[in-house]
PDB file of all heavy atoms in Angstrom:
ATOM      1  N   LEU A   1    -104.978 151.327 132.768  1.00  0.00           N
ATOM      2  CA  LEU A   1    -103.617 150.804 132.726  1.00  0.00           C
ATOM      3  C   LEU A   1    -102.583 151.914 132.915  1.00  0.00           C
ATOM      4  O   LEU A   1    -101.572 151.730 133.590  1.00  0.00           O
ATOM      5  CB  LEU A   1    -103.372 150.070 131.407  1.00  0.00           C
ATOM      6  CG  LEU A   1    -104.097 148.733 131.275  1.00  0.00           C
ATOM      7  CD1 LEU A   1    -103.938 148.187 129.865  1.00  0.00           C
ATOM      8  CD2 LEU A   1    -103.603 147.748 132.294  1.00  0.00           C
ATOM      9  N   SER A   2    -102.845 153.066 132.343  1.00  0.00           N
ATOM     10  CA  SER A   2    -101.953 154.202 132.515  1.00  0.00           C
ATOM     11  C   SER A   2    -101.927 154.661 133.973  1.00  0.00           C
ATOM     12  O   SER A   2    -100.861 154.967 134.519  1.00  0.00           O
ATOM     13  CB  SER A   2    -102.408 155.352 131.608  1.00  0.00           C
ATOM     14  OG  SER A   2    -101.664 156.509 131.867  1.00  0.00           O
ATOM     15  N   LEU A   3    -103.100 154.689 134.609  1.00  0.00           N
ATOM     16  CA  LEU A   3    -103.180 155.060 136.016  1.00  0.00           C
ATOM     17  C   LEU A   3    -102.385 154.075 136.865  1.00  0.00           C
ATOM     18  O   LEU A   3    -101.661 154.470 137.789  1.00  0.00           O
ATOM     19  CB  LEU A   3    -104.638 155.100 136.473  1.00  0.00           C
ATOM     20  CG  LEU A   3    -104.878 155.328 137.966  1.00  0.00           C
ATOM     21  CD1 LEU A   3    -104.410 156.713 138.373  1.00  0.00           C
ATOM     22  CD2 LEU A   3    -106.343 155.139 138.294  1.00  0.00           C
ATOM     23  N   TYR A   4    -102.491 152.786 136.562  1.00  0.00           N
ATOM     24  CA  TYR A   4    -101.762 151.756 137.301  1.00  0.00           C
ATOM     25  C   TYR A   4    -100.257 152.005 137.219  1.00  0.00           C
ATOM     26  O   TYR A   4     -99.557 151.990 138.233  1.00  0.00           O
ATOM     27  CB  TYR A   4    -102.124 150.385 136.736  1.00  0.00           C
ATOM     28  CG  TYR A   4    -101.426 149.226 137.401  1.00  0.00           C
ATOM     29  CD1 TYR A   4    -101.745 148.857 138.702  1.00  0.00           C
ATOM     30  CD2 TYR A   4    -100.467 148.481 136.730  1.00  0.00           C
ATOM     31  CE1 TYR A   4    -101.117 147.782 139.318  1.00  0.00           C
ATOM     32  CE2 TYR A   4     -99.838 147.411 137.326  1.00  0.00           C
ATOM     33  CZ  TYR A   4    -100.170 147.061 138.620  1.00  0.00           C
ATOM     34  OH  TYR A   4     -99.540 146.000 139.223  1.00  0.00           O
ATOM     35  N   ARG A   5     -99.759 152.250 136.016  1.00  0.00           N
ATOM     36  CA  ARG A   5     -98.329 152.513 135.845  1.00  0.00           C
ATOM     37  C   ARG A   5     -97.907 153.772 136.581  1.00  0.00           C
ATOM     38  O   ARG A   5     -96.867 153.807 137.244  1.00  0.00           O
ATOM     39  CB  ARG A   5     -97.985 152.623 134.364  1.00  0.00           C
ATOM     40  CG  ARG A   5     -97.965 151.291 133.645  1.00  0.00           C
ATOM     41  CD  ARG A   5     -97.361 151.413 132.262  1.00  0.00           C
ATOM     42  NE  ARG A   5     -98.032 152.395 131.435  1.00  0.00           N
ATOM     43  CZ  ARG A   5     -99.024 152.130 130.598  1.00  0.00           C
ATOM     44  NH1 ARG A   5     -99.469 150.904 130.485  1.00  0.00           N
ATOM     45  NH2 ARG A   5     -99.574 153.076 129.868  1.00  0.00           N
ATOM     46  N   GLU A   6     -98.719 154.833 136.490  1.00  0.00           N
ATOM     47  CA  GLU A   6     -98.381 156.093 137.163  1.00  0.00           C
ATOM     48  C   GLU A   6     -98.374 155.932 138.680  1.00  0.00           C
ATOM     49  O   GLU A   6     -97.507 156.492 139.363  1.00  0.00           O
ATOM     50  CB  GLU A   6     -99.373 157.181 136.758  1.00  0.00           C
ATOM     51  CG  GLU A   6     -99.227 157.643 135.322  1.00  0.00           C
ATOM     52  CD  GLU A   6    -100.250 158.692 134.960  1.00  0.00           C
ATOM     53  OE1 GLU A   6    -100.414 159.656 135.733  1.00  0.00           O
ATOM     54  OE2 GLU A   6    -100.907 158.544 133.908  1.00  0.00           O
ATOM     55  N   LEU A   7     -99.330 155.175 139.223  1.00  0.00           N
ATOM     56  CA  LEU A   7     -99.362 154.946 140.669  1.00  0.00           C
ATOM     57  C   LEU A   7     -98.141 154.151 141.124  1.00  0.00           C
ATOM     58  O   LEU A   7     -97.564 154.442 142.182  1.00  0.00           O
ATOM     59  CB  LEU A   7    -100.648 154.218 141.070  1.00  0.00           C
ATOM     60  CG  LEU A   7    -101.899 155.085 141.165  1.00  0.00           C
ATOM     61  CD1 LEU A   7    -103.152 154.228 141.226  1.00  0.00           C
ATOM     62  CD2 LEU A   7    -101.819 155.988 142.383  1.00  0.00           C
ATOM     63  N   LEU A   8     -97.751 153.147 140.335  1.00  0.00           N
ATOM     64  CA  LEU A   8     -96.561 152.381 140.696  1.00  0.00           C
ATOM     65  C   LEU A   8     -95.312 153.265 140.663  1.00  0.00           C
ATOM     66  O   LEU A   8     -94.450 153.168 141.541  1.00  0.00           O
ATOM     67  CB  LEU A   8     -96.385 151.184 139.764  1.00  0.00           C
ATOM     68  CG  LEU A   8     -97.351 150.026 139.976  1.00  0.00           C
ATOM     69  CD1 LEU A   8     -97.122 148.941 138.935  1.00  0.00           C
ATOM     70  CD2 LEU A   8     -97.226 149.452 141.373  1.00  0.00           C
ATOM     71  N   ARG A   9     -95.207 154.129 139.670  1.00  0.00           N
ATOM     72  CA  ARG A   9     -94.051 155.038 139.592  1.00  0.00           C
ATOM     73  C   ARG A   9     -94.053 156.033 140.737  1.00  0.00           C
ATOM     74  O   ARG A   9     -93.013 156.313 141.328  1.00  0.00           O
ATOM     75  CB  ARG A   9     -94.064 155.797 138.268  1.00  0.00           C
ATOM     76  CG  ARG A   9     -93.635 154.971 137.108  1.00  0.00           C
ATOM     77  CD  ARG A   9     -93.529 155.814 135.841  1.00  0.00           C
ATOM     78  NE  ARG A   9     -93.502 154.962 134.683  1.00  0.00           N
ATOM     79  CZ  ARG A   9     -94.364 155.031 133.669  1.00  0.00           C
ATOM     80  NH1 ARG A   9     -95.321 155.938 133.658  1.00  0.00           N
ATOM     81  NH2 ARG A   9     -94.263 154.211 132.652  1.00  0.00           N
ATOM     82  N   ALA A  10     -95.211 156.585 141.065  1.00  0.00           N
ATOM     83  CA  ALA A  10     -95.297 157.581 142.129  1.00  0.00           C
ATOM     84  C   ALA A  10     -95.005 156.966 143.491  1.00  0.00           C
ATOM     85  O   ALA A  10     -94.464 157.636 144.375  1.00  0.00           O
ATOM     86  CB  ALA A  10     -96.677 158.229 142.136  1.00  0.00           C
ATOM     87  N   GLY A  11     -95.349 155.704 143.678  1.00  0.00           N
ATOM     88  CA  GLY A  11     -95.148 155.072 144.963  1.00  0.00           C
ATOM     89  C   GLY A  11     -93.833 154.333 145.091  1.00  0.00           C
ATOM     90  O   GLY A  11     -93.600 153.650 146.086  1.00  0.00           O
ATOM     91  N   ARG A  12     -92.972 154.484 144.109  1.00  0.00           N
ATOM     92  CA  ARG A  12     -91.725 153.716 144.082  1.00  0.00           C
ATOM     93  C   ARG A  12     -90.871 153.938 145.334  1.00  0.00           C
ATOM     94  O   ARG A  12     -90.318 153.011 145.883  1.00  0.00           O
ATOM     95  CB  ARG A  12     -90.925 154.083 142.843  1.00  0.00           C
ATOM     96  CG  ARG A  12     -89.868 153.071 142.502  1.00  0.00           C
ATOM     97  CD  ARG A  12     -89.290 153.303 141.143  1.00  0.00           C
ATOM     98  NE  ARG A  12     -90.174 152.723 140.125  1.00  0.00           N
ATOM     99  CZ  ARG A  12     -90.236 153.128 138.868  1.00  0.00           C
ATOM    100  NH1 ARG A  12     -89.477 154.117 138.459  1.00  0.00           N
ATOM    101  NH2 ARG A  12     -91.040 152.560 138.013  1.00  0.00           N
ATOM    102  N   GLY A  13     -90.762 155.145 145.837  1.00  0.00           N
ATOM    103  CA  GLY A  13     -89.898 155.413 146.983  1.00  0.00           C
ATOM    104  C   GLY A  13     -90.622 155.431 148.313  1.00  0.00           C
ATOM    105  O   GLY A  13     -90.009 155.694 149.349  1.00  0.00           O
ATOM    106  N   LYS A  14     -91.882 155.149 148.312  1.00  0.00           N
ATOM    107  CA  LYS A  14     -92.671 155.231 149.538  1.00  0.00           C
ATOM    108  C   LYS A  14     -92.978 153.830 150.062  1.00  0.00           C
ATOM    109  O   LYS A  14     -93.464 152.987 149.324  1.00  0.00           O
ATOM    110  CB  LYS A  14     -93.954 156.006 149.285  1.00  0.00           C
ATOM    111  CG  LYS A  14     -93.669 157.437 148.844  1.00  0.00           C
ATOM    112  CD  LYS A  14     -94.919 158.173 148.506  1.00  0.00           C
ATOM    113  CE  LYS A  14     -94.726 159.600 148.115  1.00  0.00           C
ATOM    114  NZ  LYS A  14     -93.523 159.965 147.458  1.00  0.00           N
ATOM    115  N   PRO A  15     -92.699 153.587 151.338  1.00  0.00           N
ATOM    116  CA  PRO A  15     -92.934 152.249 151.891  1.00  0.00           C
ATOM    117  C   PRO A  15     -94.408 151.850 151.845  1.00  0.00           C
ATOM    118  O   PRO A  15     -95.279 152.614 152.231  1.00  0.00           O
ATOM    119  CB  PRO A  15     -92.467 152.358 153.347  1.00  0.00           C
ATOM    120  CG  PRO A  15     -91.748 153.647 153.459  1.00  0.00           C
ATOM    121  CD  PRO A  15     -92.134 154.505 152.301  1.00  0.00           C
ATOM    122  N   GLY A  16     -94.664 150.669 151.366  1.00  0.00           N
ATOM    123  CA  GLY A  16     -96.014 150.122 151.337  1.00  0.00           C
ATOM    124  C   GLY A  16     -96.869 150.568 150.178  1.00  0.00           C
ATOM    125  O   GLY A  16     -97.966 150.048 149.983  1.00  0.00           O
ATOM    126  N   ALA A  17     -96.399 151.517 149.393  1.00  0.00           N
ATOM    127  CA  ALA A  17     -97.231 152.075 148.329  1.00  0.00           C
ATOM    128  C   ALA A  17     -97.414 151.093 147.176  1.00  0.00           C
ATOM    129  O   ALA A  17     -98.531 150.883 146.707  1.00  0.00           O
ATOM    130  CB  ALA A  17     -96.641 153.386 147.828  1.00  0.00           C
ATOM    131  N   GLU A  18     -96.333 150.500 146.713  1.00  0.00           N
ATOM    132  CA  GLU A  18     -96.441 149.597 145.571  1.00  0.00           C
ATOM    133  C   GLU A  18     -97.307 148.387 145.902  1.00  0.00           C
ATOM    134  O   GLU A  18     -98.147 147.972 145.102  1.00  0.00           O
ATOM    135  CB  GLU A  18     -95.054 149.135 145.125  1.00  0.00           C
ATOM    136  CG  GLU A  18     -94.291 150.206 144.379  1.00  0.00           C
ATOM    137  CD  GLU A  18     -92.978 149.688 143.824  1.00  0.00           C
ATOM    138  OE1 GLU A  18     -92.968 148.562 143.291  1.00  0.00           O
ATOM    139  OE2 GLU A  18     -91.980 150.409 143.939  1.00  0.00           O
ATOM    140  N   ALA A  19     -97.113 147.831 147.081  1.00  0.00           N
ATOM    141  CA  ALA A  19     -97.913 146.669 147.480  1.00  0.00           C
ATOM    142  C   ALA A  19     -99.382 147.040 147.605  1.00  0.00           C
ATOM    143  O   ALA A  19    -100.266 146.277 147.202  1.00  0.00           O
ATOM    144  CB  ALA A  19     -97.403 146.112 148.806  1.00  0.00           C
ATOM    145  N   ARG A  20     -99.664 148.225 148.124  1.00  0.00           N
ATOM    146  CA  ARG A  20    -101.051 148.665 148.287  1.00  0.00           C
ATOM    147  C   ARG A  20    -101.710 148.890 146.924  1.00  0.00           C
ATOM    148  O   ARG A  20    -102.875 148.532 146.721  1.00  0.00           O
ATOM    149  CB  ARG A  20    -101.085 149.947 149.121  1.00  0.00           C
ATOM    150  CG  ARG A  20    -102.431 150.515 149.336  1.00  0.00           C
ATOM    151  CD  ARG A  20    -103.232 149.638 150.272  1.00  0.00           C
ATOM    152  NE  ARG A  20    -104.579 150.160 150.346  1.00  0.00           N
ATOM    153  CZ  ARG A  20    -105.649 149.395 150.442  1.00  0.00           C
ATOM    154  NH1 ARG A  20    -105.532 148.110 150.538  1.00  0.00           N
ATOM    155  NH2 ARG A  20    -106.836 149.934 150.476  1.00  0.00           N
ATOM    156  N   VAL A  21    -100.970 149.487 145.988  1.00  0.00           N
ATOM    157  CA  VAL A  21    -101.505 149.723 144.646  1.00  0.00           C
ATOM    158  C   VAL A  21    -101.824 148.397 143.972  1.00  0.00           C
ATOM    159  O   VAL A  21    -102.915 148.210 143.418  1.00  0.00           O
ATOM    160  CB  VAL A  21    -100.508 150.545 143.797  1.00  0.00           C
ATOM    161  CG1 VAL A  21    -100.908 150.559 142.334  1.00  0.00           C
ATOM    162  CG2 VAL A  21    -100.407 151.964 144.330  1.00  0.00           C
ATOM    163  N   ARG A  22    -100.889 147.464 144.044  1.00  0.00           N
ATOM    164  CA  ARG A  22    -101.121 146.150 143.430  1.00  0.00           C
ATOM    165  C   ARG A  22    -102.319 145.441 144.058  1.00  0.00           C
ATOM    166  O   ARG A  22    -103.145 144.857 143.363  1.00  0.00           O
ATOM    167  CB  ARG A  22     -99.876 145.288 143.569  1.00  0.00           C
ATOM    168  CG  ARG A  22     -98.781 145.686 142.626  1.00  0.00           C
ATOM    169  CD  ARG A  22     -97.671 144.641 142.596  1.00  0.00           C
ATOM    170  NE  ARG A  22     -96.669 145.025 141.633  1.00  0.00           N
ATOM    171  CZ  ARG A  22     -95.511 145.595 141.939  1.00  0.00           C
ATOM    172  NH1 ARG A  22     -95.201 145.827 143.194  1.00  0.00           N
ATOM    173  NH2 ARG A  22     -94.661 145.926 140.990  1.00  0.00           N
ATOM    174  N   ALA A  23    -102.407 145.505 145.388  1.00  0.00           N
ATOM    175  CA  ALA A  23    -103.512 144.842 146.082  1.00  0.00           C
ATOM    176  C   ALA A  23    -104.850 145.468 145.709  1.00  0.00           C
ATOM    177  O   ALA A  23    -105.841 144.759 145.508  1.00  0.00           O
ATOM    178  CB  ALA A  23    -103.295 144.921 147.593  1.00  0.00           C
ATOM    179  N   GLU A  24    -104.887 146.786 145.610  1.00  0.00           N
ATOM    180  CA  GLU A  24    -106.133 147.470 145.266  1.00  0.00           C
ATOM    181  C   GLU A  24    -106.585 147.105 143.849  1.00  0.00           C
ATOM    182  O   GLU A  24    -107.755 146.836 143.613  1.00  0.00           O
ATOM    183  CB  GLU A  24    -105.923 148.989 145.376  1.00  0.00           C
ATOM    184  CG  GLU A  24    -107.164 149.805 145.242  1.00  0.00           C
ATOM    185  CD  GLU A  24    -107.991 149.869 146.510  1.00  0.00           C
ATOM    186  OE1 GLU A  24    -107.453 149.595 147.593  1.00  0.00           O
ATOM    187  OE2 GLU A  24    -109.178 150.207 146.400  1.00  0.00           O
ATOM    188  N   PHE A  25    -105.649 147.073 142.916  1.00  0.00           N
ATOM    189  CA  PHE A  25    -106.011 146.723 141.540  1.00  0.00           C
ATOM    190  C   PHE A  25    -106.416 145.258 141.432  1.00  0.00           C
ATOM    191  O   PHE A  25    -107.329 144.925 140.699  1.00  0.00           O
ATOM    192  CB  PHE A  25    -104.868 147.057 140.579  1.00  0.00           C
ATOM    193  CG  PHE A  25    -104.917 148.469 140.074  1.00  0.00           C
ATOM    194  CD1 PHE A  25    -104.426 149.523 140.830  1.00  0.00           C
ATOM    195  CD2 PHE A  25    -105.475 148.764 138.846  1.00  0.00           C
ATOM    196  CE1 PHE A  25    -104.480 150.823 140.385  1.00  0.00           C
ATOM    197  CE2 PHE A  25    -105.536 150.067 138.381  1.00  0.00           C
ATOM    198  CZ  PHE A  25    -105.041 151.097 139.154  1.00  0.00           C
ATOM    199  N   ARG A  26    -105.739 144.373 142.167  1.00  0.00           N
ATOM    200  CA  ARG A  26    -106.123 142.954 142.142  1.00  0.00           C
ATOM    201  C   ARG A  26    -107.508 142.754 142.734  1.00  0.00           C
ATOM    202  O   ARG A  26    -108.274 141.907 142.271  1.00  0.00           O
ATOM    203  CB  ARG A  26    -105.113 142.125 142.921  1.00  0.00           C
ATOM    204  CG  ARG A  26    -103.894 141.808 142.127  1.00  0.00           C
ATOM    205  CD  ARG A  26    -103.070 140.709 142.771  1.00  0.00           C
ATOM    206  NE  ARG A  26    -101.805 140.598 142.069  1.00  0.00           N
ATOM    207  CZ  ARG A  26    -100.636 140.947 142.583  1.00  0.00           C
ATOM    208  NH1 ARG A  26    -100.544 141.416 143.789  1.00  0.00           N
ATOM    209  NH2 ARG A  26     -99.546 140.813 141.879  1.00  0.00           N
ATOM    210  N   GLN A  27    -107.810 143.516 143.785  1.00  0.00           N
ATOM    211  CA  GLN A  27    -109.109 143.384 144.441  1.00  0.00           C
ATOM    212  C   GLN A  27    -110.247 143.704 143.482  1.00  0.00           C
ATOM    213  O   GLN A  27    -111.290 143.074 143.497  1.00  0.00           O
ATOM    214  CB  GLN A  27    -109.166 144.318 145.652  1.00  0.00           C
ATOM    215  CG  GLN A  27    -110.482 144.303 146.378  1.00  0.00           C
ATOM    216  CD  GLN A  27    -110.510 145.325 147.501  1.00  0.00           C
ATOM    217  OE1 GLN A  27    -109.525 146.005 147.767  1.00  0.00           O
ATOM    218  NE2 GLN A  27    -111.639 145.461 148.140  1.00  0.00           N
ATOM    219  N   HIS A  28    -110.031 144.694 142.622  1.00  0.00           N
ATOM    220  CA  HIS A  28    -111.085 145.127 141.718  1.00  0.00           C
ATOM    221  C   HIS A  28    -110.929 144.575 140.303  1.00  0.00           C
ATOM    222  O   HIS A  28    -111.660 144.978 139.398  1.00  0.00           O
ATOM    223  CB  HIS A  28    -111.148 146.654 141.681  1.00  0.00           C
ATOM    224  CG  HIS A  28    -111.475 147.256 143.007  1.00  0.00           C
ATOM    225  ND1 HIS A  28    -112.696 147.099 143.613  1.00  0.00           N
ATOM    226  CD2 HIS A  28    -110.734 147.991 143.858  1.00  0.00           C
ATOM    227  CE1 HIS A  28    -112.702 147.721 144.771  1.00  0.00           C
ATOM    228  NE2 HIS A  28    -111.516 148.261 144.952  1.00  0.00           N
ATOM    229  N   ALA A  29    -110.018 143.645 140.099  1.00  0.00           N
ATOM    230  CA  ALA A  29    -109.785 143.102 138.763  1.00  0.00           C
ATOM    231  C   ALA A  29    -110.948 142.257 138.264  1.00  0.00           C
ATOM    232  O   ALA A  29    -111.114 142.076 137.063  1.00  0.00           O
ATOM    233  CB  ALA A  29    -108.506 142.266 138.752  1.00  0.00           C
ATOM    234  N   CYS A  30    -111.775 141.761 139.171  1.00  0.00           N
ATOM    235  CA  CYS A  30    -112.861 140.877 138.756  1.00  0.00           C
ATOM    236  C   CYS A  30    -114.142 141.638 138.433  1.00  0.00           C
ATOM    237  O   CYS A  30    -115.173 141.019 138.159  1.00  0.00           O
ATOM    238  CB  CYS A  30    -113.135 139.840 139.832  1.00  0.00           C
ATOM    239  SG  CYS A  30    -113.671 140.549 141.377  1.00  0.00           S
ATOM    240  N   LEU A  31    -114.101 142.957 138.445  1.00  0.00           N
ATOM    241  CA  LEU A  31    -115.296 143.721 138.079  1.00  0.00           C
ATOM    242  C   LEU A  31    -115.665 143.422 136.629  1.00  0.00           C
ATOM    243  O   LEU A  31    -114.787 143.344 135.763  1.00  0.00           O
ATOM    244  CB  LEU A  31    -115.034 145.225 138.196  1.00  0.00           C
ATOM    245  CG  LEU A  31    -115.026 145.811 139.593  1.00  0.00           C
ATOM    246  CD1 LEU A  31    -114.618 147.277 139.542  1.00  0.00           C
ATOM    247  CD2 LEU A  31    -116.367 145.675 140.239  1.00  0.00           C
TER     248      LEU A  31
END
């Protein structure tokens, strides 16, 4: 969860970063 928050903060100003982070975490949420 901490990594998720840090990735969202780090990608805040970069195009496509937040959507990619969310998609990656959603993809692996069913593990």
